[in-house]
Amino acid sequence: MSDLDYVPYVPYNGTTPTGGDSLTDNLNVFYESGDIAWMLTSTALVLLMIPGVGFFYSGLARRKSALSLLWLSIMATAVTSFQWFLLGYSLAFSHNAGLFIGTLDNFGLKNVLAQPSVGSARIPDLMFAVYQGMFASITVAIVVGAASERGRMLPCIIFMFIWTTVVYDPIACWTWNPQGWIYRLGGLDFAGGGPVHIASGSAALAYSYVLGKRAGYGTQKLNYRPHNVTHIVIGTVFLWVGWFGFNAGSALSANLRAVMAAMVTNLAACMGGITWCVIDYRLEKKWSTVGFCSGAISGIVAVTPGSGFVPAWAAVVFGIMAGLTCNFATKLKYWLNADDALDIFAVHGIGGLVGNLLTGLFAADYIAHLDGYTQIRGGWLNHNWIQLAYQAAGSAAVMAYSFIVTALVLTLVSFLGRVFPAFRLRVYRAEEEIGIDEVEIGEFAYDYVELVRGLKTPSDDSEYVGDNVPNQNHSQASIVRPGKSAGVYSLQTMRPPGQGPYPGSHQTLHGGPVGAAT
């Protein structure tokens, strides 16, 4: 062994806030290199999930606002990462936290280095900080999808910073900091059923209420199909792959508990996708790609809080229950009279709630102890009947707190918008008709020729009859059947304002209808 470049593991014996002096001590000897390597990999996997959220949302929305949802997801990463560095990590995971919130001992990541983290003694503070920062970022990315198709960008950026500070950080402290009240009560949440999913779903519902309904809500105008199912599939793949780092990484070391978390994550996704797809088939007799993707995400959402606590067979129950409940929960927005355009509350809010409650039933002490040191009383599988009540109490508190505080924050920003137009939450109605991409970003998700079916009446050559009337301000092509000459179509490519038409962009097509783009 003396000839090998091997650093022996030494139990942590430091007393300073930083864990030691890196100039005089080798601080790596306190941690297994395999654990650090796995956590770095998991951090990268969770980061991959964030554009996955953007692609998923972008595909569900209409073309004219597709790019804005991708933009919001990556901006959420930037804003939240800065907030996390500045004060978020300290408020959530400082070693001297209280029952409800942490201190500012680690403001600007002060003294965050090699001391064992509050999450696990197997990894240092610095590793835990960068990993949990990705959790905060994706939670915010989920929430701001509620601004879909009518929210302005600048107020949303301001909201990101405030929301992370006053909503996410306290809830993360309650749930995962050993000093937090849910943790001390005995609530079990392995990877974020409360702080990530219930909190984001409830916040998205509040955002939908404060922002108001989209133009044409309740009419056929909003009865559109997702504009790009390929984006939805790509987003789902990113999320599915990244969730291995999200759930299995929450073991906070490379061990059998992480392996079990990976197993149940994949299995719940599969069962959720199958269940949602079958439910949709009974209605339309079509095997919906969007339905499968939505079900897969709902299955993983539900198993997230229990992924390090439940046996593999329980993941089948998690996936099926999530597919059922989240599918039917998409109808809640009509009962609640909220324009939750992307069904964030149904998938994340309800999915997280279902997962938290099922964890109270199926948590098992022997699964938690697969890491070699975690001890829990378990759930109903271990005859610990009170665990379901703990799960329900924690879930209710997170849902209520997130919804109420989010509504208050947005109401305050909206009030400021009356005095300072820069804070106005929502675009004007005419701007909404044009599309968020053009009004707020000035760039487009697409700039290519496409075929849009439209029918011109003999009495009005300038009027389109049919759904999805193309907007002249967007890059797209229109197919028009002029007058009564059957079988003749006009193809004209349009570019963004000021660019003029493409060379040779007008041509005549003969034959039947070419198809419609939604």
Protein backbone atom coordinates (compact mmCIF):
# COMPACT_ATOMS: atom_id res chain seq x y z
CA MET A 1 0.00 0.00 0.00
CA SER A 2 2.93 2.32 0.58
CA ASP A 3 3.62 2.37 -3.17
CA LEU A 4 0.08 3.46 -4.04
CA ASP A 5 -1.14 7.06 -4.22
CA TYR A 6 -3.80 6.31 -1.65
CA VAL A 7 -5.30 8.71 0.87
CA PRO A 8 -6.52 6.79 3.94
CA TYR A 9 -9.89 7.69 5.41
CA VAL A 10 -9.66 9.40 8.81
CA PRO A 11 -12.68 10.14 11.05
CA TYR A 12 -13.37 13.86 11.25
CA ASN A 13 -11.73 15.43 14.29
CA GLY A 14 -11.78 19.13 13.47
CA THR A 15 -13.26 21.82 15.63
CA THR A 16 -13.09 24.92 13.42
CA PRO A 17 -16.07 26.08 11.29
CA THR A 18 -14.13 25.40 8.08
CA GLY A 19 -13.10 21.92 9.16
CA GLY A 20 -9.40 22.74 9.22
CA ASP A 21 -6.65 24.73 7.54
CA SER A 22 -6.18 23.60 3.94
CA LEU A 23 -2.63 25.05 3.92
CA THR A 24 -1.44 22.79 6.69
CA ASP A 25 -3.92 19.89 6.68
CA ASN A 26 -5.18 17.52 4.00
CA LEU A 27 -8.91 18.00 4.41
CA ASN A 28 -9.70 15.21 1.94
CA VAL A 29 -8.82 12.49 4.41
CA PHE A 30 -12.13 12.95 6.22
CA TYR A 31 -14.23 11.86 3.24
CA GLU A 32 -14.39 8.92 0.85
CA SER A 33 -13.46 9.94 -2.67
CA GLY A 34 -16.20 7.68 -4.03
CA ASP A 35 -18.84 9.60 -2.08
CA ILE A 36 -17.53 12.93 -3.38
CA ALA A 37 -17.41 11.61 -6.94
CA TRP A 38 -20.98 10.33 -6.75
CA MET A 39 -22.26 13.61 -5.31
CA LEU A 40 -20.52 15.67 -7.99
CA THR A 41 -22.13 13.44 -10.61
CA SER A 42 -25.52 13.78 -8.94
CA THR A 43 -25.16 17.56 -8.87
CA ALA A 44 -24.58 17.59 -12.62
CA LEU A 45 -27.58 15.29 -13.14
CA VAL A 46 -29.88 17.59 -11.17
CA LEU A 47 -28.63 20.56 -13.20
CA LEU A 48 -29.58 18.62 -16.34
CA MET A 49 -33.15 18.49 -15.09
CA ILE A 50 -33.57 22.25 -15.27
CA PRO A 51 -33.49 22.58 -19.09
CA GLY A 52 -35.65 19.45 -18.99
CA VAL A 53 -38.31 21.47 -17.20
CA GLY A 54 -37.89 24.20 -19.81
CA PHE A 55 -38.28 21.84 -22.75
CA PHE A 56 -41.28 20.13 -21.15
CA TYR A 57 -43.04 23.43 -20.50
CA SER A 58 -42.05 24.85 -23.89
CA GLY A 59 -43.56 21.90 -25.72
CA LEU A 60 -46.83 22.17 -23.81
CA ALA A 61 -47.27 25.87 -24.56
CA ARG A 62 -48.12 27.63 -27.80
CA ARG A 63 -45.42 28.43 -30.30
CA LYS A 64 -45.51 32.17 -29.75
CA SER A 65 -44.39 31.79 -26.11
CA ALA A 66 -42.21 28.67 -26.38
CA LEU A 67 -38.83 30.35 -26.05
CA SER A 68 -39.86 32.36 -22.99
CA LEU A 69 -40.36 29.17 -20.96
CA LEU A 70 -36.93 27.87 -21.88
CA TRP A 71 -35.51 31.28 -20.98
CA LEU A 72 -37.24 31.27 -17.59
CA SER A 73 -35.81 27.87 -16.69
CA ILE A 74 -32.19 28.85 -17.29
CA MET A 75 -32.68 32.29 -15.72
CA ALA A 76 -34.11 30.56 -12.64
CA THR A 77 -30.82 28.67 -12.36
CA ALA A 78 -28.77 31.85 -12.52
CA VAL A 79 -30.87 33.89 -10.07
CA THR A 80 -31.36 31.09 -7.57
CA SER A 81 -27.70 30.05 -7.63
CA PHE A 82 -26.69 33.59 -6.72
CA GLN A 83 -29.32 33.76 -3.98
CA TRP A 84 -28.14 30.38 -2.67
CA PHE A 85 -24.54 31.58 -2.53
CA LEU A 86 -25.48 34.86 -0.90
CA LEU A 87 -27.85 33.74 1.86
CA GLY A 88 -30.02 30.82 0.81
CA TYR A 89 -27.73 28.02 1.95
CA SER A 90 -27.20 29.71 5.29
CA LEU A 91 -30.94 30.20 5.87
CA ALA A 92 -31.67 26.57 5.06
CA PHE A 93 -28.69 24.60 6.33
CA SER A 94 -26.65 26.57 8.83
CA HIS A 95 -25.46 24.43 11.73
CA ASN A 96 -27.11 26.72 14.29
CA ALA A 97 -30.55 26.89 12.68
CA GLY A 98 -33.74 27.19 14.66
CA LEU A 99 -37.01 25.33 14.23
CA PHE A 100 -38.16 27.52 11.35
CA ILE A 101 -35.18 29.21 9.71
CA GLY A 102 -31.42 29.17 9.76
CA THR A 103 -29.01 31.91 10.74
CA LEU A 104 -26.76 34.03 8.55
CA ASP A 105 -23.59 32.41 9.92
CA ASN A 106 -22.77 31.21 6.41
CA PHE A 107 -23.67 34.41 4.55
CA GLY A 108 -21.80 34.41 1.24
CA LEU A 109 -20.78 30.79 2.01
CA LYS A 110 -18.59 32.03 4.83
CA ASN A 111 -16.81 29.08 6.49
CA VAL A 112 -18.49 26.63 4.14
CA LEU A 113 -15.67 24.21 3.37
CA ALA A 114 -14.70 20.89 4.93
CA GLN A 115 -16.80 20.58 8.07
CA PRO A 116 -19.26 17.65 7.84
CA SER A 117 -22.59 18.92 6.53
CA VAL A 118 -25.89 18.95 8.38
CA GLY A 119 -27.26 16.61 5.73
CA SER A 120 -24.72 13.85 6.25
CA ALA A 121 -21.36 13.44 7.90
CA ARG A 122 -20.24 11.58 4.77
CA ILE A 123 -19.85 14.78 2.73
CA PRO A 124 -18.50 18.25 3.61
CA ASP A 125 -20.46 21.48 3.79
CA LEU A 126 -19.17 22.69 0.43
CA MET A 127 -20.33 19.57 -1.40
CA PHE A 128 -23.73 19.70 0.26
CA ALA A 129 -24.08 23.39 -0.60
CA VAL A 130 -23.52 22.98 -4.33
CA TYR A 131 -25.76 19.91 -4.48
CA GLN A 132 -28.66 21.51 -2.61
CA GLY A 133 -28.26 24.64 -4.69
CA MET A 134 -29.43 22.63 -7.71
CA PHE A 135 -32.52 21.59 -5.76
CA ALA A 136 -33.39 25.20 -5.06
CA SER A 137 -32.84 26.11 -8.70
CA ILE A 138 -35.10 23.45 -10.16
CA THR A 139 -37.83 24.25 -7.64
CA VAL A 140 -37.90 27.85 -8.81
CA ALA A 141 -37.84 26.72 -12.45
CA ILE A 142 -40.95 24.63 -11.78
CA VAL A 143 -42.78 27.52 -10.12
CA VAL A 144 -42.21 30.15 -12.80
CA GLY A 145 -43.84 27.98 -15.44
CA ALA A 146 -47.04 29.48 -14.01
CA ALA A 147 -46.16 32.71 -15.84
CA SER A 148 -46.77 30.85 -19.10
CA GLU A 149 -48.00 32.98 -22.02
CA ARG A 150 -48.83 36.15 -20.07
CA GLY A 151 -46.20 36.90 -17.41
CA ARG A 152 -43.48 39.52 -17.80
CA MET A 153 -39.85 38.59 -17.34
CA LEU A 154 -38.42 41.31 -15.02
CA PRO A 155 -41.02 40.94 -12.25
CA CYS A 156 -40.59 37.18 -12.52
CA ILE A 157 -36.84 37.51 -11.95
CA ILE A 158 -37.47 39.62 -8.85
CA PHE A 159 -40.01 37.06 -7.68
CA MET A 160 -37.44 34.26 -8.09
CA PHE A 161 -35.06 35.84 -5.61
CA ILE A 162 -37.73 36.78 -3.07
CA TRP A 163 -39.55 33.45 -3.27
CA THR A 164 -36.42 31.41 -2.73
CA THR A 165 -35.62 33.50 0.35
CA VAL A 166 -39.00 33.59 2.07
CA VAL A 167 -40.58 30.32 0.91
CA TYR A 168 -38.10 27.69 -0.25
CA ASP A 169 -35.33 28.30 2.27
CA PRO A 170 -37.57 28.09 5.36
CA ILE A 171 -39.34 24.97 4.08
CA ALA A 172 -36.01 23.30 3.29
CA CYS A 173 -34.89 24.13 6.84
CA TRP A 174 -38.07 22.66 8.33
CA THR A 175 -37.70 19.44 6.39
CA TRP A 176 -34.02 18.62 6.01
CA ASN A 177 -32.12 20.53 8.68
CA PRO A 178 -31.90 18.37 11.81
CA GLN A 179 -33.05 21.44 13.77
CA GLY A 180 -36.17 21.97 11.61
CA TRP A 181 -39.58 21.33 13.10
CA ILE A 182 -40.78 18.78 10.53
CA TYR A 183 -37.51 16.87 10.85
CA ARG A 184 -37.74 16.86 14.65
CA LEU A 185 -41.43 15.91 14.52
CA GLY A 186 -40.45 12.78 12.61
CA GLY A 187 -41.56 13.63 9.09
CA LEU A 188 -39.93 11.61 6.33
CA ASP A 189 -38.99 13.33 3.09
CA PHE A 190 -36.00 11.81 1.37
CA ALA A 191 -35.61 14.04 -1.70
CA GLY A 192 -38.17 16.83 -1.76
CA GLY A 193 -41.84 15.91 -1.76
CA GLY A 194 -42.49 18.97 0.40
CA PRO A 195 -39.77 21.57 -0.28
CA VAL A 196 -39.63 20.91 -4.03
CA HIS A 197 -42.96 19.56 -5.26
CA ILE A 198 -45.70 20.59 -2.85
CA ALA A 199 -44.08 24.01 -2.40
CA SER A 200 -43.67 24.61 -6.15
CA GLY A 201 -47.12 23.30 -7.05
CA SER A 202 -48.84 25.46 -4.43
CA ALA A 203 -46.79 28.49 -5.44
CA ALA A 204 -47.66 27.96 -9.10
CA LEU A 205 -51.35 27.87 -8.19
CA ALA A 206 -51.00 31.17 -6.31
CA TYR A 207 -49.07 32.67 -9.26
CA SER A 208 -51.90 31.63 -11.60
CA TYR A 209 -54.48 33.33 -9.40
CA VAL A 210 -52.59 36.60 -8.98
CA LEU A 211 -51.54 36.76 -12.62
CA GLY A 212 -55.06 36.14 -13.87
CA LYS A 213 -56.41 34.07 -16.71
CA ARG A 214 -55.05 34.14 -20.24
CA ALA A 215 -56.98 35.93 -22.96
CA GLY A 216 -59.66 33.62 -24.28
CA TYR A 217 -59.82 31.47 -21.15
CA GLY A 218 -62.93 29.30 -21.18
CA THR A 219 -63.33 29.52 -24.96
CA GLN A 220 -62.19 27.42 -27.90
CA LYS A 221 -59.29 29.81 -28.35
CA LEU A 222 -57.33 28.02 -25.63
CA ASN A 223 -58.44 24.56 -26.68
CA TYR A 224 -55.13 23.91 -28.42
CA ARG A 225 -52.80 20.94 -28.53
CA PRO A 226 -49.20 21.17 -27.25
CA HIS A 227 -47.26 22.81 -30.05
CA ASN A 228 -44.18 20.54 -29.95
CA VAL A 229 -44.51 17.02 -28.57
CA THR A 230 -40.86 16.34 -29.40
CA HIS A 231 -39.86 19.03 -26.90
CA ILE A 232 -42.05 17.33 -24.30
CA VAL A 233 -40.31 14.00 -24.91
CA ILE A 234 -36.87 15.62 -24.75
CA GLY A 235 -37.79 17.36 -21.51
CA THR A 236 -39.09 14.11 -20.06
CA VAL A 237 -35.87 12.28 -20.94
CA PHE A 238 -33.76 15.01 -19.35
CA LEU A 239 -35.89 14.88 -16.22
CA TRP A 240 -35.98 11.08 -16.03
CA VAL A 241 -32.21 10.77 -16.36
CA GLY A 242 -31.51 13.70 -14.04
CA TRP A 243 -33.85 12.35 -11.38
CA PHE A 244 -31.39 9.53 -10.70
CA GLY A 245 -29.10 12.23 -9.32
CA PHE A 246 -32.01 13.91 -7.59
CA ASN A 247 -33.31 10.86 -5.71
CA ALA A 248 -30.35 8.47 -5.58
CA GLY A 249 -28.04 11.42 -4.90
CA SER A 250 -30.10 12.28 -1.83
CA ALA A 251 -28.52 9.31 -0.09
CA LEU A 252 -25.57 11.75 0.12
CA SER A 253 -23.04 8.95 -0.40
CA ALA A 254 -22.45 6.00 -2.71
CA ASN A 255 -24.21 3.11 -0.98
CA LEU A 256 -27.01 0.56 -1.31
CA ARG A 257 -29.61 3.10 -0.23
CA ALA A 258 -28.73 5.17 -3.29
CA VAL A 259 -29.10 2.08 -5.45
CA MET A 260 -32.56 1.37 -4.04
CA ALA A 261 -33.56 4.99 -4.61
CA ALA A 262 -32.51 4.64 -8.25
CA MET A 263 -34.53 1.45 -8.59
CA VAL A 264 -37.78 2.89 -7.21
CA THR A 265 -37.33 6.11 -9.18
CA ASN A 266 -37.22 4.28 -12.50
CA LEU A 267 -40.01 1.86 -11.60
CA ALA A 268 -42.39 4.59 -10.42
CA ALA A 269 -41.77 6.55 -13.62
CA CYS A 270 -42.62 3.52 -15.74
CA MET A 271 -45.81 2.73 -13.86
CA GLY A 272 -46.93 6.35 -13.80
CA GLY A 273 -46.47 6.67 -17.55
CA ILE A 274 -48.36 3.46 -18.31
CA THR A 275 -51.21 4.38 -15.97
CA TRP A 276 -51.75 7.89 -17.34
CA CYS A 277 -51.53 6.61 -20.91
CA VAL A 278 -54.18 3.95 -20.28
CA ILE A 279 -56.50 6.46 -18.59
CA ASP A 280 -56.25 8.79 -21.58
CA TYR A 281 -56.82 5.90 -23.99
CA ARG A 282 -60.22 5.19 -22.49
CA LEU A 283 -61.32 8.67 -23.52
CA GLU A 284 -59.84 9.14 -26.99
CA LYS A 285 -58.76 5.64 -28.05
CA LYS A 286 -55.30 7.08 -28.75
CA TRP A 287 -51.99 6.21 -27.07
CA SER A 288 -50.95 9.71 -26.08
CA THR A 289 -47.24 10.55 -26.01
CA VAL A 290 -47.97 13.62 -23.91
CA GLY A 291 -50.01 11.46 -21.55
CA PHE A 292 -47.18 8.98 -21.08
CA CYS A 293 -44.66 11.75 -20.43
CA SER A 294 -46.97 13.47 -17.93
CA GLY A 295 -47.57 10.18 -16.14
CA ALA A 296 -43.87 9.35 -15.96
CA ILE A 297 -43.13 12.72 -14.38
CA SER A 298 -46.00 12.37 -11.91
CA GLY A 299 -44.75 8.91 -10.91
CA ILE A 300 -41.26 10.19 -10.14
CA VAL A 301 -42.68 13.22 -8.32
CA ALA A 302 -44.69 10.95 -6.06
CA VAL A 303 -41.86 8.56 -5.23
CA THR A 304 -39.40 11.39 -4.53
CA PRO A 305 -40.14 11.74 -0.78
CA GLY A 306 -40.11 7.99 -0.27
CA SER A 307 -37.29 6.99 -2.61
CA GLY A 308 -34.84 6.32 0.22
CA PHE A 309 -37.42 4.78 2.54
CA VAL A 310 -39.62 2.37 0.57
CA PRO A 311 -38.96 -1.10 -0.93
CA ALA A 312 -38.94 -1.68 -4.69
CA TRP A 313 -42.40 -3.26 -4.85
CA ALA A 314 -43.92 -0.13 -3.28
CA ALA A 315 -42.77 1.91 -6.29
CA VAL A 316 -45.42 0.14 -8.36
CA VAL A 317 -48.09 1.49 -6.00
CA PHE A 318 -46.54 4.97 -6.04
CA GLY A 319 -46.50 5.05 -9.84
CA ILE A 320 -50.05 3.80 -10.32
CA MET A 321 -51.50 6.08 -7.64
CA ALA A 322 -49.64 9.08 -9.04
CA GLY A 323 -50.84 8.38 -12.58
CA LEU A 324 -54.42 8.12 -11.37
CA THR A 325 -54.55 11.05 -8.96
CA CYS A 326 -52.48 13.50 -11.01
CA ASN A 327 -54.44 12.72 -14.17
CA PHE A 328 -57.74 13.48 -12.50
CA ALA A 329 -56.20 16.41 -10.62
CA THR A 330 -55.75 18.21 -13.95
CA LYS A 331 -59.50 18.89 -13.70
CA LEU A 332 -59.05 20.67 -10.36
CA LYS A 333 -58.06 23.91 -12.06
CA TYR A 334 -61.60 24.26 -13.42
CA TRP A 335 -63.13 23.66 -10.02
CA LEU A 336 -60.63 26.09 -8.48
CA ASN A 337 -61.22 28.58 -11.32
CA ALA A 338 -57.48 28.97 -11.87
CA ASP A 339 -55.69 29.12 -15.21
CA ASP A 340 -52.83 26.77 -14.34
CA ALA A 341 -51.79 26.52 -17.97
CA LEU A 342 -49.18 23.78 -17.52
CA ASP A 343 -50.93 21.78 -14.75
CA ILE A 344 -48.09 22.41 -12.33
CA PHE A 345 -50.32 22.11 -9.27
CA ALA A 346 -51.82 18.84 -10.50
CA VAL A 347 -48.49 17.13 -11.24
CA HIS A 348 -46.23 18.61 -8.57
CA GLY A 349 -48.57 19.80 -5.84
CA ILE A 350 -50.89 16.79 -5.83
CA GLY A 351 -48.14 14.38 -6.87
CA GLY A 352 -45.94 15.51 -3.99
CA LEU A 353 -48.86 15.26 -1.54
CA VAL A 354 -49.71 11.74 -2.66
CA GLY A 355 -46.05 10.75 -2.38
CA ASN A 356 -45.69 12.15 1.13
CA LEU A 357 -48.76 10.27 2.34
CA LEU A 358 -47.74 7.00 0.69
CA THR A 359 -44.33 7.35 2.32
CA GLY A 360 -46.13 7.30 5.67
CA LEU A 361 -47.61 3.94 4.69
CA PHE A 362 -44.70 2.20 3.01
CA ALA A 363 -41.54 3.55 4.70
CA ALA A 364 -39.47 0.67 6.04
CA ASP A 365 -36.70 0.82 8.61
CA TYR A 366 -34.55 -1.76 6.82
CA ILE A 367 -34.57 0.28 3.59
CA ALA A 368 -33.44 3.45 5.35
CA HIS A 369 -30.65 1.48 7.04
CA LEU A 370 -29.21 0.36 3.70
CA ASP A 371 -26.73 3.21 4.04
CA GLY A 372 -25.40 1.59 7.20
CA TYR A 373 -26.34 4.27 9.71
CA THR A 374 -29.82 5.81 9.22
CA GLN A 375 -32.42 4.65 11.71
CA ILE A 376 -36.14 5.42 11.44
CA ARG A 377 -39.27 4.01 13.03
CA GLY A 378 -40.75 3.43 9.60
CA GLY A 379 -44.34 3.78 8.47
CA TRP A 380 -47.32 1.46 8.53
CA LEU A 381 -45.15 -1.38 7.23
CA ASN A 382 -43.39 -1.20 10.59
CA HIS A 383 -46.70 -0.72 12.46
CA ASN A 384 -45.76 2.89 13.16
CA TRP A 385 -49.30 4.18 12.69
CA ILE A 386 -48.61 7.77 13.73
CA GLN A 387 -46.24 8.29 10.79
CA LEU A 388 -49.11 9.02 8.37
CA ALA A 389 -50.26 11.85 10.64
CA TYR A 390 -46.75 13.31 10.67
CA GLN A 391 -46.65 13.18 6.89
CA ALA A 392 -50.07 14.82 6.56
CA ALA A 393 -49.19 17.58 9.03
CA GLY A 394 -45.95 18.44 7.27
CA SER A 395 -47.58 18.38 3.84
CA ALA A 396 -50.47 20.61 4.92
CA ALA A 397 -48.11 23.12 6.53
CA VAL A 398 -45.88 23.30 3.43
CA MET A 399 -48.82 23.65 1.06
CA ALA A 400 -50.52 26.38 3.09
CA TYR A 401 -47.33 28.32 3.77
CA SER A 402 -46.16 28.23 0.16
CA PHE A 403 -49.53 29.26 -1.25
CA ILE A 404 -50.18 32.09 1.19
CA VAL A 405 -46.70 33.61 1.20
CA THR A 406 -46.41 33.33 -2.60
CA ALA A 407 -49.73 35.12 -3.01
CA LEU A 408 -48.59 37.86 -0.63
CA VAL A 409 -45.26 38.33 -2.44
CA LEU A 410 -46.92 38.52 -5.86
CA THR A 411 -49.61 40.87 -4.59
CA LEU A 412 -46.89 43.17 -3.28
CA VAL A 413 -45.03 43.08 -6.60
CA SER A 414 -48.30 43.70 -8.44
CA PHE A 415 -49.04 46.69 -6.21
CA LEU A 416 -45.60 48.12 -6.95
CA GLY A 417 -46.38 47.62 -10.63
CA ARG A 418 -49.16 50.20 -10.37
CA VAL A 419 -46.61 52.79 -9.32
CA PHE A 420 -43.57 51.55 -11.21
CA PRO A 421 -44.48 49.99 -14.59
CA ALA A 422 -41.31 47.89 -14.55
CA PHE A 423 -42.87 45.77 -11.80
CA ARG A 424 -46.08 45.06 -13.74
CA LEU A 425 -46.57 41.30 -13.51
CA ARG A 426 -48.50 40.78 -16.72
CA VAL A 427 -48.18 41.91 -20.32
CA TYR A 428 -50.96 43.92 -21.90
CA ARG A 429 -53.71 42.06 -23.74
CA ALA A 430 -52.44 43.13 -27.16
CA GLU A 431 -48.92 41.97 -26.23
CA GLU A 432 -50.30 38.64 -25.08
CA GLU A 433 -51.89 38.14 -28.48
CA ILE A 434 -48.54 38.80 -30.17
CA GLY A 435 -46.70 36.41 -27.89
CA ILE A 436 -44.24 36.62 -24.99
CA ASP A 437 -41.29 35.63 -27.17
CA GLU A 438 -41.58 38.70 -29.36
CA VAL A 439 -42.73 41.18 -26.73
CA GLU A 440 -40.37 40.27 -23.88
CA ILE A 441 -37.43 38.54 -25.54
CA GLY A 442 -37.37 39.68 -29.15
CA GLU A 443 -36.24 36.24 -30.30
CA PHE A 444 -38.09 33.16 -31.45
CA ALA A 445 -37.97 29.45 -30.80
CA TYR A 446 -38.40 28.80 -34.53
CA ASP A 447 -37.51 30.57 -37.74
CA TYR A 448 -38.36 28.16 -40.50
CA VAL A 449 -41.04 27.36 -43.07
CA GLU A 450 -44.02 25.46 -41.75
CA LEU A 451 -47.46 24.70 -43.10
CA VAL A 452 -50.54 26.04 -41.37
CA ARG A 453 -53.97 25.11 -42.65
CA GLY A 454 -56.38 27.99 -43.15
CA LEU A 455 -59.40 28.51 -45.37
CA LYS A 456 -60.29 31.80 -47.02
CA THR A 457 -63.92 32.44 -47.76
CA PRO A 458 -65.00 33.59 -51.23
CA SER A 459 -66.40 36.78 -49.70
CA ASP A 460 -63.29 37.85 -47.84
CA ASP A 461 -59.84 37.11 -49.21
CA SER A 462 -58.19 38.53 -46.09
CA GLU A 463 -59.95 36.40 -43.50
CA TYR A 464 -58.85 33.00 -42.28
CA VAL A 465 -61.47 30.51 -41.21
CA GLY A 466 -60.30 27.71 -38.92
CA ASP A 467 -58.31 27.19 -35.78
CA ASN A 468 -54.87 28.50 -34.94
CA VAL A 469 -55.03 31.63 -37.07
CA PRO A 470 -51.40 32.56 -37.76
CA ASN A 471 -50.05 35.79 -36.38
CA GLN A 472 -48.44 38.00 -39.02
CA ASN A 473 -45.73 39.01 -36.58
CA HIS A 474 -44.26 35.54 -36.33
CA SER A 475 -42.02 33.50 -38.54
CA GLN A 476 -44.31 30.95 -40.10
CA ALA A 477 -45.92 29.93 -43.37
CA SER A 478 -49.59 30.08 -44.18
CA ILE A 479 -51.47 27.87 -46.56
CA VAL A 480 -54.52 29.53 -48.03
CA ARG A 481 -57.11 28.16 -50.41
CA PRO A 482 -58.14 31.23 -52.41
CA GLY A 483 -61.74 31.69 -53.42
CA LYS A 484 -63.47 28.68 -54.91
CA SER A 485 -60.53 27.14 -56.74
CA ALA A 486 -60.45 23.79 -54.99
CA GLY A 487 -57.14 22.10 -54.44
CA VAL A 488 -54.96 25.19 -54.87
CA TYR A 489 -53.03 26.43 -51.85
CA SER A 490 -50.76 29.39 -51.31
CA LEU A 491 -47.61 29.00 -49.24
CA GLN A 492 -46.08 32.18 -47.88
CA THR A 493 -43.24 32.33 -45.41
CA MET A 494 -43.31 35.21 -42.96
CA ARG A 495 -40.39 36.47 -40.91
CA PRO A 496 -40.33 38.58 -37.76
CA PRO A 497 -41.23 42.28 -38.24
CA GLY A 498 -38.68 44.39 -40.09
CA GLN A 499 -36.96 41.45 -41.76
CA GLY A 500 -39.27 41.18 -44.76
CA PRO A 501 -40.21 37.95 -46.49
CA TYR A 502 -37.75 35.26 -47.38
CA PRO A 503 -36.63 35.27 -51.02
CA GLY A 504 -39.02 33.21 -53.07
CA SER A 505 -41.22 32.66 -50.06
CA HIS A 506 -44.50 32.69 -51.95
CA GLN A 507 -45.49 29.71 -54.00
CA THR A 508 -48.60 27.81 -55.04
CA LEU A 509 -49.26 24.23 -54.06
CA HIS A 510 -51.72 21.96 -55.83
CA GLY A 511 -53.51 19.08 -54.25
CA GLY A 512 -55.33 18.40 -51.03
CA PRO A 513 -54.80 20.04 -47.62
CA VAL A 514 -51.24 19.89 -46.43
CA GLY A 515 -51.99 19.63 -42.71
CA ALA A 516 -52.22 21.88 -39.73
CA ALA A 517 -49.76 23.02 -37.14
CA THR A 518 -51.08 23.58 -33.69
